[in-house]
Amino acid sequence: MVTIDEFNEIIQQVYDRDYILVSPHDLYTTNSDGSVENKPLELPEGKKPLVLSFDDLSYYEYMEGDGFADRLVLEGDEVLHEYTDANGETHTGDYDFVSLLDKFVEENPDFSHNGAKGVVALTGYNGIFGYRTSDLAYAETNDDIAQDKETAQDIADAMKDNGWEFATHSWGHINYTSSPLSFIQEDHKKWQREVEPLIGETDLLIYPFGADIAGVEDYGGEKFSYLNDQGVNAFFGIDTSVPAWGQLGPDYLRQARINVDGISLKNAIEGKSETVSEFFDPASVLDEQRPDTISGTS
């Protein structure tokens, strides 16, 4: 996780280094028989493609009171964030990545290829977007669950209209590496029942914890077969050792993500990792409000 100031500075430096936002769907085509093919990508000269992805836009219950936004809200067709400050006063504005990136692309339209923004990976156990939309978790306690679902769906539609895409992040933020197939199947059915109706279908899976179902070898086996049969064509793990890694199989695309958060910033500043330096200068983006113990400065 990064602060607002850090996010704004990171995005500015990424832009200054000639990266341009693309959709994962700019990179592959899925044929009617389920096979996947590489899609040629044509960009303005000198631009480098970048997929941005964000996890857990649910504003989990555990985050309350820790300085995060409370939820997404719609003002007209604009998606903003509702935030409660330390004095208990509620504000609406640019308090998280959705509206911050929307504003940046509005000011710098050449940062986006064909209107692409980012991919948001959603779980379901605490609902989505700060609304407690899960029947399994809140049917007995949330009297406004029907309205919450309607609002969440309206927000999802507005985000998609504005270039955002959604991925499954599992319903319960599960570990796909260690979970047996039966547990993955049970979890995925929950996600299809409680999240998919609100955001629409997706063929993107972002692994919680980066816990992939395979190593660097080609995909195969029962977990992949099940997920692929459920319509998942693109899979995203984590690999911070290199600036980019990908694998294209006959029926899937795999890509590695690079986490940008307090941990990776600290490691970069302490010289333990150089990967994020490909995209921005970690020391210069650091928020001075970070305690020394987590900023790599002590």
Protein backbone atom coordinates (compact mmCIF):
# COMPACT_ATOMS: atom_id res chain seq x y z
CA MET A 1 0.00 0.00 0.00
CA VAL A 2 1.18 3.53 -0.73
CA THR A 3 -0.03 6.95 0.37
CA ILE A 4 -1.84 9.38 -1.91
CA ASP A 5 1.28 11.52 -2.32
CA GLU A 6 3.38 8.45 -3.14
CA PHE A 7 0.84 7.21 -5.69
CA ASN A 8 0.69 10.57 -7.44
CA GLU A 9 4.47 10.83 -7.63
CA ILE A 10 4.87 7.23 -8.82
CA ILE A 11 2.34 7.71 -11.61
CA GLN A 12 4.00 10.95 -12.69
CA GLN A 13 7.42 9.30 -12.90
CA VAL A 14 6.05 6.26 -14.75
CA TYR A 15 4.47 8.64 -17.24
CA ASP A 16 7.67 10.66 -17.55
CA ARG A 17 9.54 7.46 -18.41
CA ASP A 18 7.27 6.97 -21.44
CA TYR A 19 5.13 4.12 -20.17
CA ILE A 20 1.58 3.93 -21.47
CA LEU A 21 -1.35 2.08 -19.90
CA VAL A 22 -2.70 -0.90 -21.81
CA SER A 23 -5.35 -3.50 -21.12
CA PRO A 24 -4.42 -7.18 -20.77
CA HIS A 25 -6.96 -7.70 -23.55
CA ASP A 26 -4.71 -5.67 -25.84
CA LEU A 27 -2.22 -8.53 -25.57
CA TYR A 28 -4.24 -11.62 -26.48
CA THR A 29 -7.26 -12.86 -28.40
CA THR A 30 -9.49 -15.72 -27.28
CA ASN A 31 -10.92 -17.72 -30.16
CA SER A 32 -14.32 -19.41 -30.25
CA ASP A 33 -12.72 -22.78 -29.47
CA GLY A 34 -11.09 -21.39 -26.32
CA SER A 35 -7.60 -21.14 -27.75
CA VAL A 36 -5.56 -18.01 -27.02
CA GLU A 37 -3.37 -16.14 -29.48
CA ASN A 38 -0.96 -13.25 -29.17
CA LYS A 39 -2.44 -9.96 -30.37
CA PRO A 40 -0.08 -7.49 -32.09
CA LEU A 41 0.19 -4.27 -30.09
CA GLU A 42 0.82 -1.01 -31.91
CA LEU A 43 1.75 1.96 -29.73
CA PRO A 44 3.01 5.48 -30.40
CA GLU A 45 6.73 5.50 -31.12
CA GLY A 46 8.83 5.46 -27.95
CA LYS A 47 6.04 4.30 -25.65
CA LYS A 48 6.37 1.19 -23.44
CA PRO A 49 3.25 -0.82 -22.49
CA LEU A 50 2.26 -1.15 -18.85
CA VAL A 51 -0.63 -2.97 -17.19
CA LEU A 52 -1.65 -1.48 -13.84
CA SER A 53 -3.56 -3.72 -11.45
CA PHE A 54 -4.97 -3.12 -7.98
CA ASP A 55 -6.08 -5.63 -5.36
CA ASP A 56 -8.97 -5.74 -2.92
CA LEU A 57 -11.09 -2.69 -3.66
CA SER A 58 -13.48 -3.78 -0.94
CA TYR A 59 -12.52 -1.50 1.96
CA TYR A 60 -12.42 -4.46 4.30
CA GLU A 61 -13.79 -4.19 7.79
CA TYR A 62 -10.28 -4.50 9.25
CA MET A 63 -9.28 -1.27 7.46
CA GLU A 64 -11.78 0.93 9.29
CA GLY A 65 -10.12 3.67 11.30
CA ASP A 66 -6.71 3.25 9.68
CA GLY A 67 -6.85 6.25 7.35
CA PHE A 68 -8.23 4.54 4.26
CA ALA A 69 -11.24 5.68 2.30
CA ASP A 70 -14.55 4.15 3.35
CA ARG A 71 -16.12 3.39 -0.01
CA LEU A 72 -16.60 4.47 -3.60
CA VAL A 73 -19.46 6.82 -4.46
CA LEU A 74 -21.03 8.09 -7.67
CA GLU A 75 -21.51 11.76 -8.39
CA GLY A 76 -23.17 11.87 -11.78
CA ASP A 77 -21.02 9.53 -13.86
CA GLU A 78 -17.88 10.29 -11.82
CA VAL A 79 -16.53 7.73 -9.34
CA LEU A 80 -15.12 9.35 -6.20
CA HIS A 81 -14.16 8.20 -2.72
CA GLU A 82 -15.83 8.80 0.60
CA TYR A 83 -13.37 9.34 3.43
CA THR A 84 -13.80 9.90 7.18
CA ASP A 85 -11.05 11.96 8.78
CA ALA A 86 -9.62 11.63 12.28
CA ASN A 87 -12.26 14.07 13.60
CA GLY A 88 -15.09 11.91 12.29
CA GLU A 89 -15.98 14.28 9.45
CA THR A 90 -16.89 12.72 6.09
CA HIS A 91 -15.46 14.04 2.82
CA THR A 92 -15.96 13.09 -0.82
CA GLY A 93 -13.11 13.44 -3.28
CA ASP A 94 -9.89 11.96 -4.62
CA TYR A 95 -8.84 9.76 -1.71
CA ASP A 96 -7.78 6.59 -3.51
CA PHE A 97 -6.41 5.28 -6.79
CA VAL A 98 -9.59 5.19 -8.88
CA SER A 99 -10.29 8.89 -9.05
CA LEU A 100 -6.59 9.80 -8.74
CA LEU A 101 -5.76 7.83 -11.88
CA ASP A 102 -8.90 9.04 -13.67
CA LYS A 103 -7.82 12.64 -13.06
CA PHE A 104 -4.24 11.98 -14.16
CA VAL A 105 -5.33 10.37 -17.43
CA GLU A 106 -7.79 13.20 -18.02
CA GLU A 107 -4.89 15.65 -17.74
CA ASN A 108 -2.49 13.37 -19.67
CA PRO A 109 -4.57 11.43 -22.21
CA ASP A 110 -1.46 10.10 -23.95
CA PHE A 111 -0.80 7.99 -20.82
CA SER A 112 -3.62 5.65 -21.88
CA HIS A 113 -3.87 3.40 -24.94
CA ASN A 114 -7.45 3.24 -26.17
CA GLY A 115 -8.75 4.56 -22.84
CA ALA A 116 -7.20 1.83 -20.66
CA LYS A 117 -6.94 2.54 -16.92
CA GLY A 118 -6.27 -0.49 -14.73
CA VAL A 119 -7.48 -3.90 -13.63
CA VAL A 120 -9.20 -4.12 -10.24
CA ALA A 121 -9.10 -7.54 -8.57
CA LEU A 122 -12.08 -8.16 -6.30
CA THR A 123 -12.86 -10.59 -3.53
CA GLY A 124 -16.38 -10.98 -2.16
CA TYR A 125 -16.38 -11.95 1.51
CA ASN A 126 -16.68 -8.34 2.74
CA GLY A 127 -18.57 -7.17 -0.33
CA ILE A 128 -17.11 -4.77 -2.91
CA PHE A 129 -16.32 -1.05 -3.12
CA GLY A 130 -17.05 -0.58 0.60
CA TYR A 131 -20.61 -1.92 0.30
CA ARG A 132 -21.51 -5.05 2.27
CA THR A 133 -22.98 -6.89 -0.68
CA SER A 134 -22.34 -10.51 0.33
CA ASP A 135 -25.47 -12.48 1.20
CA LEU A 136 -23.32 -15.16 2.81
CA ALA A 137 -21.75 -12.64 5.17
CA TYR A 138 -24.40 -9.93 5.63
CA ALA A 139 -27.88 -11.23 4.79
CA GLU A 140 -28.80 -11.21 8.48
CA THR A 141 -27.07 -7.97 9.47
CA ASN A 142 -27.26 -5.53 6.54
CA ASP A 143 -30.79 -4.22 6.11
CA ASP A 144 -29.63 -2.20 3.09
CA ILE A 145 -28.02 -5.09 1.22
CA ALA A 146 -30.33 -4.80 -1.80
CA GLN A 147 -29.55 -1.09 -2.19
CA ASP A 148 -25.85 -1.76 -1.62
CA LYS A 149 -25.85 -4.27 -4.48
CA GLU A 150 -27.60 -1.81 -6.79
CA THR A 151 -25.15 0.96 -5.92
CA ALA A 152 -22.13 -1.32 -6.36
CA GLN A 153 -23.39 -2.40 -9.77
CA ASP A 154 -23.87 1.22 -10.84
CA ILE A 155 -20.30 2.01 -9.74
CA ALA A 156 -18.92 -0.99 -11.61
CA ASP A 157 -20.75 0.07 -14.77
CA ALA A 158 -19.40 3.61 -14.47
CA MET A 159 -15.86 2.34 -13.98
CA LYS A 160 -16.07 0.03 -16.99
CA ASP A 161 -17.41 2.89 -19.10
CA ASN A 162 -14.31 4.84 -18.04
CA GLY A 163 -11.72 2.22 -19.02
CA TRP A 164 -11.45 0.10 -15.88
CA GLU A 165 -11.57 -3.69 -15.93
CA PHE A 166 -12.20 -6.27 -13.24
CA ALA A 167 -10.58 -9.58 -12.31
CA THR A 168 -11.47 -12.28 -9.86
CA HIS A 169 -9.28 -12.32 -6.77
CA SER A 170 -11.22 -15.29 -5.37
CA TRP A 171 -14.21 -14.85 -3.05
CA GLY A 172 -12.34 -15.45 0.18
CA HIS A 173 -8.79 -14.33 -0.71
CA ILE A 174 -7.68 -17.95 -0.83
CA ASN A 175 -4.29 -19.47 -1.54
CA TYR A 176 -4.54 -21.23 -4.92
CA THR A 177 -1.19 -22.98 -4.43
CA SER A 178 -2.07 -24.81 -1.24
CA SER A 179 -5.87 -25.09 -1.60
CA PRO A 180 -7.24 -28.40 -2.92
CA LEU A 181 -9.33 -28.32 -6.08
CA SER A 182 -12.56 -28.85 -4.16
CA PHE A 183 -11.93 -25.71 -2.08
CA ILE A 184 -11.09 -23.67 -5.19
CA GLN A 185 -14.31 -24.86 -6.82
CA GLU A 186 -16.39 -23.96 -3.77
CA ASP A 187 -14.79 -20.52 -3.52
CA HIS A 188 -15.18 -19.79 -7.24
CA LYS A 189 -18.86 -20.65 -7.14
CA LYS A 190 -19.29 -18.11 -4.31
CA TRP A 191 -17.53 -15.48 -6.42
CA GLN A 192 -19.72 -16.26 -9.41
CA ARG A 193 -22.83 -15.99 -7.26
CA GLU A 194 -21.97 -12.85 -5.29
CA VAL A 195 -19.50 -10.75 -7.28
CA GLU A 196 -19.93 -11.55 -10.96
CA PRO A 197 -23.58 -10.34 -11.08
CA LEU A 198 -22.40 -6.93 -9.85
CA ILE A 199 -19.38 -6.39 -12.10
CA GLY A 200 -20.04 -8.65 -15.09
CA GLU A 201 -18.09 -11.60 -16.45
CA THR A 202 -14.29 -11.56 -16.54
CA ASP A 203 -11.65 -13.91 -17.88
CA LEU A 204 -8.90 -12.44 -15.66
CA LEU A 205 -7.61 -14.03 -12.43
CA ILE A 206 -5.19 -12.23 -10.12
CA TYR A 207 -3.86 -14.64 -7.51
CA PRO A 208 -4.16 -13.58 -3.85
CA PHE A 209 -0.69 -13.55 -2.28
CA GLY A 210 0.64 -14.19 -5.80
CA ALA A 211 0.08 -17.89 -5.00
CA ASP A 212 0.14 -19.43 -8.47
CA ILE A 213 -1.04 -22.93 -9.39
CA ALA A 214 2.30 -23.73 -11.08
CA GLY A 215 5.92 -22.68 -11.26
CA VAL A 216 7.54 -21.45 -14.45
CA GLU A 217 6.53 -24.63 -16.28
CA ASP A 218 3.58 -24.60 -18.65
CA TYR A 219 0.13 -24.79 -17.12
CA GLY A 220 -1.70 -28.07 -16.82
CA GLY A 221 -3.42 -30.22 -14.25
CA GLU A 222 -6.85 -30.21 -12.66
CA LYS A 223 -6.76 -26.73 -11.13
CA PHE A 224 -5.93 -25.10 -14.44
CA SER A 225 -8.46 -27.25 -16.30
CA TYR A 226 -11.22 -26.22 -13.90
CA LEU A 227 -10.43 -22.50 -13.98
CA ASN A 228 -9.98 -22.49 -17.74
CA ASP A 229 -13.29 -24.33 -18.17
CA GLN A 230 -14.87 -21.57 -16.07
CA GLY A 231 -13.72 -19.02 -18.62
CA VAL A 232 -10.45 -17.83 -17.08
CA ASN A 233 -7.94 -17.12 -19.86
CA ALA A 234 -5.40 -14.80 -18.21
CA PHE A 235 -3.59 -15.50 -14.93
CA PHE A 236 -1.43 -13.07 -12.95
CA GLY A 237 1.05 -14.02 -10.22
CA ILE A 238 3.90 -12.05 -8.65
CA ASP A 239 7.59 -11.95 -9.58
CA THR A 240 9.60 -8.98 -8.39
CA SER A 241 12.94 -10.29 -9.67
CA VAL A 242 12.58 -8.89 -13.21
CA PRO A 243 10.73 -5.93 -14.79
CA ALA A 244 8.57 -8.23 -16.93
CA TRP A 245 7.74 -11.93 -17.27
CA GLY A 246 5.10 -13.63 -19.36
CA GLN A 247 4.06 -16.97 -20.79
CA LEU A 248 1.64 -17.65 -23.63
CA GLY A 249 0.13 -21.11 -23.83
CA PRO A 250 -2.32 -22.50 -26.35
CA ASP A 251 -5.24 -21.60 -24.09
CA TYR A 252 -3.95 -19.05 -21.59
CA LEU A 253 -1.81 -15.98 -20.94
CA ARG A 254 0.31 -15.66 -17.80
CA GLN A 255 2.01 -12.53 -16.58
CA ALA A 256 3.92 -11.61 -13.46
CA ARG A 257 3.05 -8.55 -11.40
CA ILE A 258 5.43 -6.33 -9.44
CA ASN A 259 4.00 -5.20 -6.11
CA VAL A 260 4.43 -1.53 -5.28
CA ASP A 261 3.89 -0.99 -1.56
CA GLY A 262 5.69 -0.09 1.63
CA ILE A 263 7.56 -3.38 1.62
CA SER A 264 8.87 -3.07 -1.93
CA LEU A 265 9.76 0.60 -1.42
CA LYS A 266 11.70 -0.26 1.72
CA ASN A 267 13.54 -3.11 -0.01
CA ALA A 268 14.39 -0.87 -2.96
CA ILE A 269 15.71 1.95 -0.79
CA GLU A 270 17.81 -0.52 1.24
CA GLY A 271 19.27 -1.96 -1.96
CA LYS A 272 17.63 -5.37 -1.64
CA SER A 273 15.75 -5.05 -4.94
CA GLU A 274 16.25 -2.97 -8.07
CA THR A 275 13.12 -3.92 -10.02
CA VAL A 276 10.86 -0.98 -9.17
CA SER A 277 13.68 1.38 -10.14
CA GLU A 278 12.91 0.48 -13.75
CA PHE A 279 9.67 2.45 -13.39
CA PHE A 280 10.41 5.19 -10.83
CA ASP A 281 12.96 6.37 -8.29
CA PRO A 282 11.86 4.78 -4.99
CA ALA A 283 13.70 7.19 -2.71
CA SER A 284 12.23 10.29 -4.31
CA VAL A 285 8.62 9.09 -4.10
CA LEU A 286 8.75 8.19 -0.40
CA ASP A 287 6.22 10.01 1.76
CA GLU A 288 7.99 11.85 4.59
CA GLN A 289 5.14 10.84 6.89
CA ARG A 290 6.20 7.19 6.80
CA PRO A 291 7.78 6.12 10.10
CA ASP A 292 11.49 5.41 9.79
CA THR A 293 10.97 1.76 10.70
CA ILE A 294 9.00 1.09 7.50
CA SER A 295 10.55 3.55 5.10
CA GLY A 296 14.00 2.09 4.64
CA THR A 297 15.63 5.11 6.27
CA SER A 298 16.87 3.49 9.46
